[in-house]
Protein backbone atom coordinates (compact mmCIF):
# COMPACT_ATOMS: atom_id res chain seq x y z
CA UNK A 1 0.00 0.00 0.00
CA UNK A 2 1.48 3.31 -1.14
CA UNK A 3 0.29 5.26 1.90
CA UNK A 4 1.93 2.78 4.27
CA UNK A 5 5.16 3.01 2.26
CA UNK A 6 5.17 6.79 2.58
CA UNK A 7 4.42 6.78 6.31
CA UNK A 8 7.01 4.13 7.15
CA UNK A 9 9.77 5.81 5.13
CA UNK A 10 9.31 9.31 6.49
CA UNK A 11 8.62 8.15 10.02
CA UNK A 12 12.02 6.42 9.95
CA UNK A 13 13.69 9.50 8.49
CA UNK A 14 11.96 11.64 11.09
CA UNK A 15 13.92 9.79 13.78
CA UNK A 16 17.24 9.59 11.91
CA UNK A 17 17.52 12.60 9.57
CA UNK A 18 20.26 14.54 11.32
CA UNK A 19 22.46 17.14 9.65
CA UNK A 20 20.09 19.82 8.40
CA UNK A 21 18.22 20.47 5.12
CA UNK A 22 21.07 19.61 2.73
CA UNK A 23 21.57 16.23 4.41
CA UNK A 24 17.81 15.64 4.39
CA UNK A 25 17.59 16.28 0.64
CA UNK A 26 20.45 13.84 0.01
CA UNK A 27 18.67 11.17 2.06
CA UNK A 28 15.43 11.69 0.14
CA UNK A 29 17.24 11.37 -3.18
CA UNK A 30 18.84 8.12 -2.12
CA UNK A 31 15.55 6.67 -0.89
CA UNK A 32 12.96 7.78 -3.48
CA UNK A 33 15.06 8.10 -6.65
CA UNK A 34 17.89 5.57 -6.36
CA UNK A 35 16.36 2.86 -4.16
CA UNK A 36 12.59 3.00 -4.59
CA UNK A 37 12.44 4.80 -7.97
CA UNK A 38 9.30 6.70 -7.01
CA UNK A 39 10.59 9.71 -8.95
CA UNK A 40 12.96 10.33 -11.84
CA UNK A 41 15.98 12.60 -11.45
CA UNK A 42 14.18 15.38 -13.31
CA UNK A 43 11.02 15.07 -11.25
CA UNK A 44 13.08 15.26 -8.06
CA UNK A 45 14.90 18.38 -9.29
CA UNK A 46 11.59 20.01 -10.24
CA UNK A 47 10.24 19.46 -6.73
CA UNK A 48 13.41 20.83 -5.19
CA UNK A 49 13.13 23.97 -7.30
CA UNK A 50 9.49 24.41 -6.36
CA UNK A 51 10.25 24.37 -2.63
CA UNK A 52 12.53 27.36 -3.16
CA UNK A 53 9.66 29.35 -4.66
CA UNK A 54 7.36 29.03 -1.65
CA UNK A 55 7.89 29.99 2.01
CA UNK A 56 8.60 27.42 4.68
CA UNK A 57 11.17 24.73 5.53
CA UNK A 58 12.44 23.30 2.25
CA UNK A 59 13.27 19.79 3.42
CA UNK A 60 9.87 19.38 5.09
CA UNK A 61 8.10 20.65 1.98
CA UNK A 62 10.04 18.12 -0.11
CA UNK A 63 8.61 15.37 2.11
CA UNK A 64 5.09 16.73 1.60
CA UNK A 65 5.57 17.02 -2.19
CA UNK A 66 6.92 13.46 -2.50
CA UNK A 67 4.21 12.05 -0.25
CA UNK A 68 1.49 13.81 -2.26
CA UNK A 69 2.78 12.49 -5.58
CA UNK A 70 3.13 8.97 -4.18
CA UNK A 71 -0.08 8.62 -2.14
CA UNK A 72 -2.34 11.58 -2.94
CA UNK A 73 -4.03 13.74 -0.32
CA UNK A 74 -3.72 11.17 2.51
CA UNK A 75 -0.01 10.97 1.72
CA UNK A 76 0.36 14.74 1.79
CA UNK A 77 -0.99 14.89 5.33
CA UNK A 78 0.34 11.69 6.87
CA UNK A 79 3.71 11.77 5.13
CA UNK A 80 4.40 15.29 6.35
CA UNK A 81 3.25 14.47 9.88
CA UNK A 82 5.38 11.32 9.94
CA UNK A 83 8.50 13.38 9.32
CA UNK A 84 7.62 16.23 11.69
CA UNK A 85 6.20 14.44 14.74
CA UNK A 86 9.31 12.47 15.83
CA UNK A 87 11.34 15.66 16.08
CA UNK A 88 8.48 17.44 17.84
CA UNK A 89 8.28 14.73 20.51
CA UNK A 90 12.04 14.73 21.05
CA UNK A 91 12.19 18.53 21.29
CA UNK A 92 9.19 18.58 23.63
CA UNK A 93 11.00 16.18 25.96
CA UNK A 94 14.14 18.32 25.88
CA UNK A 95 12.07 21.44 26.54
CA UNK A 96 10.56 19.77 29.61
CA UNK A 97 14.07 19.02 30.90
CA UNK A 98 15.27 22.53 30.05
CA UNK A 99 12.46 24.21 31.97
CA UNK A 100 13.24 22.14 35.05
CA UNK A 101 17.05 22.06 34.90
CA UNK A 102 18.06 24.74 32.42
CA UNK A 103 18.97 27.26 35.10
CA UNK A 104 21.38 24.88 36.82
CA UNK A 105 25.08 25.61 36.16
CA UNK A 106 25.76 22.08 34.91
CA UNK A 107 23.11 22.33 32.18
CA UNK A 108 24.23 25.82 31.25
CA UNK A 109 27.74 24.47 30.76
CA UNK A 110 26.42 21.71 28.49
CA UNK A 111 24.86 24.36 26.25
CA UNK A 112 28.02 26.47 26.58
CA UNK A 113 29.82 23.91 24.42
CA UNK A 114 27.05 23.74 21.82
CA UNK A 115 26.40 27.44 21.21
CA UNK A 116 29.71 28.30 19.48
CA UNK A 117 29.18 25.28 17.23
CA UNK A 118 25.72 26.61 16.30
CA UNK A 119 27.26 29.94 15.27
CA UNK A 120 29.80 28.07 13.13
CA UNK A 121 27.03 26.02 11.50
CA UNK A 122 25.10 29.19 10.66
CA UNK A 123 28.26 30.75 9.21
CA UNK A 124 28.89 27.68 7.08
CA UNK A 125 25.30 27.79 5.83
CA UNK A 126 25.75 31.47 4.96
CA UNK A 127 28.91 30.67 3.02
CA UNK A 128 27.43 27.75 1.08
CA UNK A 129 24.11 29.45 0.35
CA UNK A 130 25.86 32.69 -0.57
CA UNK A 131 27.77 31.01 -3.39
CA UNK A 132 24.45 30.03 -4.97
CA UNK A 133 22.28 32.99 -4.00
CA UNK A 134 24.62 35.85 -4.89
CA UNK A 135 24.31 35.84 -8.67
CA UNK A 136 25.79 39.25 -9.41
CA UNK A 137 26.21 42.84 -8.18
CA UNK A 138 22.46 43.38 -7.81
CA UNK A 139 21.80 40.48 -5.45
CA UNK A 140 25.04 41.16 -3.58
CA UNK A 141 23.98 44.77 -3.04
CA UNK A 142 20.51 43.68 -1.88
CA UNK A 143 22.01 41.38 0.76
CA UNK A 144 24.45 44.00 2.04
CA UNK A 145 21.83 46.76 2.18
CA UNK A 146 19.48 44.55 4.17
CA UNK A 147 22.28 43.57 6.55
CA UNK A 148 22.85 47.27 7.33
CA UNK A 149 19.17 48.25 7.48
CA UNK A 150 18.43 45.43 9.94
CA UNK A 151 20.52 47.23 12.56
CA UNK A 152 18.31 50.32 12.10
CA UNK A 153 15.36 48.21 13.38
CA UNK A 154 13.56 48.10 10.04
CA UNK A 155 10.97 45.33 10.10
CA UNK A 156 12.32 42.09 8.61
CA UNK A 157 9.15 41.37 6.62
CA UNK A 158 9.39 44.77 4.95
CA UNK A 159 13.02 44.08 4.13
CA UNK A 160 12.26 40.61 2.80
CA UNK A 161 9.44 41.53 0.45
CA UNK A 162 10.72 44.96 -0.58
CA UNK A 163 14.18 43.53 -1.30
CA UNK A 164 12.82 40.63 -3.33
CA UNK A 165 10.45 42.88 -5.27
CA UNK A 166 13.19 45.44 -5.95
CA UNK A 167 15.51 42.80 -7.40
CA UNK A 168 12.68 41.39 -9.53
CA UNK A 169 11.80 44.83 -10.93
CA UNK A 170 15.40 45.83 -11.61
CA UNK A 171 16.27 42.53 -13.25
CA UNK A 172 13.25 42.92 -15.51
CA UNK A 173 13.71 46.66 -16.07
CA UNK A 174 14.28 46.22 -19.78
CA UNK A 175 11.03 44.33 -20.20
CA UNK A 176 9.13 46.93 -18.17
CA UNK A 177 10.69 49.80 -20.11
CA UNK A 178 9.51 48.31 -23.39
CA UNK A 179 5.98 48.30 -22.03
CA UNK A 180 6.26 51.92 -20.91
CA UNK A 181 5.90 51.10 -17.23
CA UNK A 182 7.55 53.16 -14.52
CA UNK A 183 9.58 51.74 -11.65
CA UNK A 184 8.69 53.10 -8.25
CA UNK A 185 10.77 53.12 -5.12
CA UNK A 186 9.30 51.21 -2.19
CA UNK A 187 9.64 52.95 1.17
CA UNK A 188 11.28 50.86 3.87
CA UNK A 189 9.41 51.78 6.99
CA UNK A 190 10.28 50.23 10.33
CA UNK A 191 7.77 49.22 12.94
CA UNK A 192 7.99 50.96 16.30
CA UNK A 193 9.70 49.05 19.09
CA UNK A 194 7.21 48.22 21.82
CA UNK A 195 7.67 47.52 25.50
CA UNK A 196 7.31 43.98 26.82
CA UNK A 197 3.68 42.84 26.78
CA UNK A 198 1.91 40.04 28.69
CA UNK A 199 2.04 36.59 27.13
CA UNK A 200 -1.00 35.47 25.12
CA UNK A 201 -1.20 32.00 23.60
CA UNK A 202 -3.33 33.24 20.68
CA UNK A 203 -0.65 35.79 19.82
CA UNK A 204 1.98 33.05 20.00
CA UNK A 205 0.05 30.97 17.44
CA UNK A 206 -0.40 33.94 15.10
CA UNK A 207 3.31 34.82 15.28
CA UNK A 208 4.37 31.34 14.24
CA UNK A 209 1.62 31.17 11.60
CA UNK A 210 2.97 34.42 10.16
CA UNK A 211 6.55 33.14 10.18
CA UNK A 212 5.57 29.87 8.52
CA UNK A 213 3.67 31.84 5.87
CA UNK A 214 6.43 34.25 4.85
CA UNK A 215 9.81 32.78 5.72
CA UNK A 216 12.00 32.12 2.70
CA UNK A 217 15.51 30.72 2.64
CA UNK A 218 17.30 28.45 5.07
CA UNK A 219 15.77 27.49 8.38
CA UNK A 220 18.39 29.67 10.03
CA UNK A 221 16.57 32.76 8.76
CA UNK A 222 14.02 31.73 11.37
CA UNK A 223 16.32 33.27 13.98
CA UNK A 224 15.83 36.75 12.54
CA UNK A 225 12.05 36.51 12.67
CA UNK A 226 11.96 35.01 16.15
CA UNK A 227 14.32 37.61 17.55
CA UNK A 228 12.36 40.50 16.02
CA UNK A 229 8.99 39.36 17.41
CA UNK A 230 9.72 37.46 20.62
CA UNK A 231 12.86 39.18 21.90
CA UNK A 232 12.66 42.78 20.68
CA UNK A 233 8.97 43.53 20.10
CA UNK A 234 7.23 41.48 22.79
CA UNK A 235 10.04 40.80 25.26
CA UNK A 236 8.92 37.21 25.87
CA UNK A 237 12.35 35.66 25.28
CA UNK A 238 15.95 36.61 25.94
CA UNK A 239 18.72 36.25 23.36
CA UNK A 240 20.09 33.44 25.50
CA UNK A 241 16.81 31.50 25.39
CA UNK A 242 16.54 32.05 21.64
CA UNK A 243 20.01 30.63 21.04
CA UNK A 244 19.21 27.69 23.33
CA UNK A 245 16.09 26.99 21.25
CA UNK A 246 18.10 27.01 18.02
CA UNK A 247 20.72 24.73 19.59
CA UNK A 248 18.03 22.25 20.65
CA UNK A 249 16.49 22.34 17.18
CA UNK A 250 19.90 21.67 15.64
CA UNK A 251 20.90 18.78 17.91
CA UNK A 252 17.69 16.84 17.19
CA UNK A 253 16.70 15.09 13.94
CA UNK A 254 14.16 16.50 11.54
CA UNK A 255 13.46 20.15 10.65
CA UNK A 256 15.10 23.04 12.49
CA UNK A 257 11.64 24.61 12.66
CA UNK A 258 10.90 22.38 15.66
CA UNK A 259 12.65 25.13 17.61
CA UNK A 260 9.10 26.53 17.59
CA UNK A 261 8.02 23.56 19.72
CA UNK A 262 10.73 24.35 22.25
CA UNK A 263 9.85 28.05 22.41
CA UNK A 264 6.14 27.30 22.63
CA UNK A 265 6.72 25.04 25.61
CA UNK A 266 8.94 27.61 27.31
CA UNK A 267 6.24 30.25 27.00
CA UNK A 268 2.98 28.31 27.26
CA UNK A 269 3.64 24.71 28.30
CA UNK A 270 2.23 21.84 26.20
CA UNK A 271 -0.61 23.95 24.69
CA UNK A 272 1.95 26.56 23.65
CA UNK A 273 4.19 23.90 22.12
CA UNK A 274 1.30 22.39 20.15
CA UNK A 275 0.04 25.74 18.83
CA UNK A 276 3.50 27.05 17.96
CA UNK A 277 4.27 23.84 16.06
CA UNK A 278 0.91 23.87 14.27
CA UNK A 279 1.30 27.54 13.37
CA UNK A 280 4.75 27.23 11.81
CA UNK A 281 4.15 24.00 9.83
CA UNK A 282 0.53 24.44 8.69
CA UNK A 283 1.38 26.89 5.87
CA UNK A 284 3.80 24.38 4.32
CA UNK A 285 0.99 21.87 3.77
CA UNK A 286 -1.18 24.56 2.20
CA UNK A 287 1.57 25.94 -0.04
CA UNK A 288 2.58 22.49 -1.30
CA UNK A 289 -1.03 21.60 -2.10
CA UNK A 290 -1.47 24.85 -4.04
CA UNK A 291 1.89 24.91 -5.82
CA UNK A 292 2.34 21.29 -6.85
CA UNK A 293 0.15 21.54 -10.00
CA UNK A 294 1.88 24.82 -10.96
CA UNK A 295 5.48 23.58 -10.82
CA UNK A 296 6.08 23.44 -14.61
CA UNK A 297 4.94 27.05 -15.05
CA UNK A 298 6.83 28.40 -12.05
CA UNK A 299 10.07 26.76 -13.13
CA UNK A 300 10.05 28.56 -16.48
CA UNK A 301 8.90 32.01 -15.29
CA UNK A 302 11.59 34.73 -15.45
CA UNK A 303 9.57 36.84 -13.02
CA UNK A 304 9.39 34.08 -10.41
CA UNK A 305 13.09 33.31 -10.88
CA UNK A 306 14.18 36.92 -10.35
CA UNK A 307 11.89 37.34 -7.34
CA UNK A 308 13.44 34.23 -5.83
CA UNK A 309 16.94 35.61 -6.48
CA UNK A 310 16.08 38.74 -4.53
CA UNK A 311 14.40 36.93 -1.66
CA UNK A 312 17.34 34.57 -1.27
CA UNK A 313 19.84 37.41 -1.21
CA UNK A 314 17.80 39.35 1.36
CA UNK A 315 17.43 36.19 3.46
CA UNK A 316 21.21 35.87 3.58
CA UNK A 317 21.51 39.48 4.70
CA UNK A 318 19.09 38.82 7.56
CA UNK A 319 20.96 35.67 8.52
CA UNK A 320 24.27 37.52 8.60
CA UNK A 321 22.90 40.36 10.73
CA UNK A 322 21.42 38.04 13.33
CA UNK A 323 24.56 35.90 13.41
CA UNK A 324 26.56 39.01 14.30
CA UNK A 325 24.14 39.86 17.11
CA UNK A 326 24.06 36.36 18.56
CA UNK A 327 27.81 36.00 18.25
CA UNK A 328 28.25 38.93 20.61
CA UNK A 329 26.49 36.97 23.38
CA UNK A 330 28.31 33.71 22.65
CA UNK A 331 31.94 34.72 22.26
CA UNK A 332 32.49 35.68 25.88
CA UNK A 333 35.90 34.03 26.31
CA UNK A 334 38.78 32.78 24.12
CA UNK A 335 37.69 29.15 24.46
CA UNK A 336 34.31 29.80 22.84
CA UNK A 337 36.06 31.49 19.90
CA UNK A 338 38.39 28.50 19.48
CA UNK A 339 35.45 26.08 19.56
CA UNK A 340 33.64 28.05 16.85
CA UNK A 341 36.75 28.26 14.65
CA UNK A 342 37.47 24.56 15.04
CA UNK A 343 33.86 23.71 14.19
CA UNK A 344 33.95 25.96 11.12
CA UNK A 345 37.15 24.29 9.86
CA UNK A 346 35.74 20.80 10.42
CA UNK A 347 32.54 21.76 8.62
CA UNK A 348 34.00 23.58 5.65
CA UNK A 349 37.24 21.70 5.03
CA UNK A 350 36.60 18.18 6.27
CA UNK A 351 32.81 18.03 5.70
CA UNK A 352 32.14 16.68 9.20
CA UNK A 353 28.44 16.11 9.83
CA UNK A 354 26.85 18.79 11.97
CA UNK A 355 25.45 16.17 14.32
CA UNK A 356 28.97 15.06 15.28
CA UNK A 357 30.01 18.67 15.83
CA UNK A 358 27.02 19.30 18.09
CA UNK A 359 27.89 16.09 19.96
CA UNK A 360 31.47 17.33 20.31
CA UNK A 361 30.24 20.62 21.75
CA UNK A 362 28.08 18.67 24.17
CA UNK A 363 31.10 16.62 25.30
CA UNK A 364 33.08 19.81 25.89
CA UNK A 365 30.22 21.13 27.99
CA UNK A 366 30.14 17.90 30.00
CA UNK A 367 33.89 18.10 30.60
CA UNK A 368 33.61 21.69 31.74
CA UNK A 369 30.76 20.81 34.06
CA UNK A 370 32.74 17.88 35.49
CA UNK A 371 35.94 19.82 36.16
CA UNK A 372 34.64 23.27 37.02
CA UNK A 373 31.32 22.64 38.81
């Protein structure tokens, strides 16, 4: 039965798919193209391209696309859930432990070893994505401008959409000029910074629903959106808690977006975890269902391609800006700098899996706790 095949495959991958989106995609290719032959090479590449044209976590959306093509609407729902739920349950368990023991020095030292590794992983993702996303002076300029404007507290959604639209219009300026159309400049207006407000679970759900509906690029861009809403605007999280959430999402299998589960539990217990998870993943199911029949047209559209170029470049700018901010709170001593540099070298030169690096950071934290507690 095709539905059972889909569920069993992605349930297994949900428990074992460490290493981030690139590793996930490689695993899918091995399983559904080489081993099971559910898709041809070209069909797989078409799906991969389509996930870059819609918001949300790319590797999760690939699962939903593949499951839909293999087992129809039941596959779309159950295949996606099979991949997401194992990571959600693992992260929920870690969140429960964090809430109860996270303030103890020993646990803080465990995370002390992981955090510099997380910064190195983000840097490596920036480097690898940058080589593909920066396609010329225009996209390079878009990324750099956004990096600077972020520090002037301009809203990240305004930057994301205005930057992507600007690149699309400028790349197609010749076509527009032939039609006699006029290019207009979009104002980049920041949202006012508000004081901390009381926690509301409905607001939590809407925040993660918004993020899941508009977030392009790598899962690490998630950090920029979370920091803007939950740290700066609402004051519900600290930078330290945000970095801990990203670290937990990285050390577990499955999508990095399960950091939402961790944050939801921190703020609202099990109901908060459930609603945050639902909010951030629900749009992916909707977008895949809507976009799957349109993939051939989207792949050949110059307008969609140029918009994607701009959005990717802007996403990298946001990632870089937030990495700088978080790095300031992580690199508090020479040892943390050495850990990050060593992790970056192992990642970029020796291609060491991120899971092993996270495990290494955890061991360093354990050693520090054992000898300095």
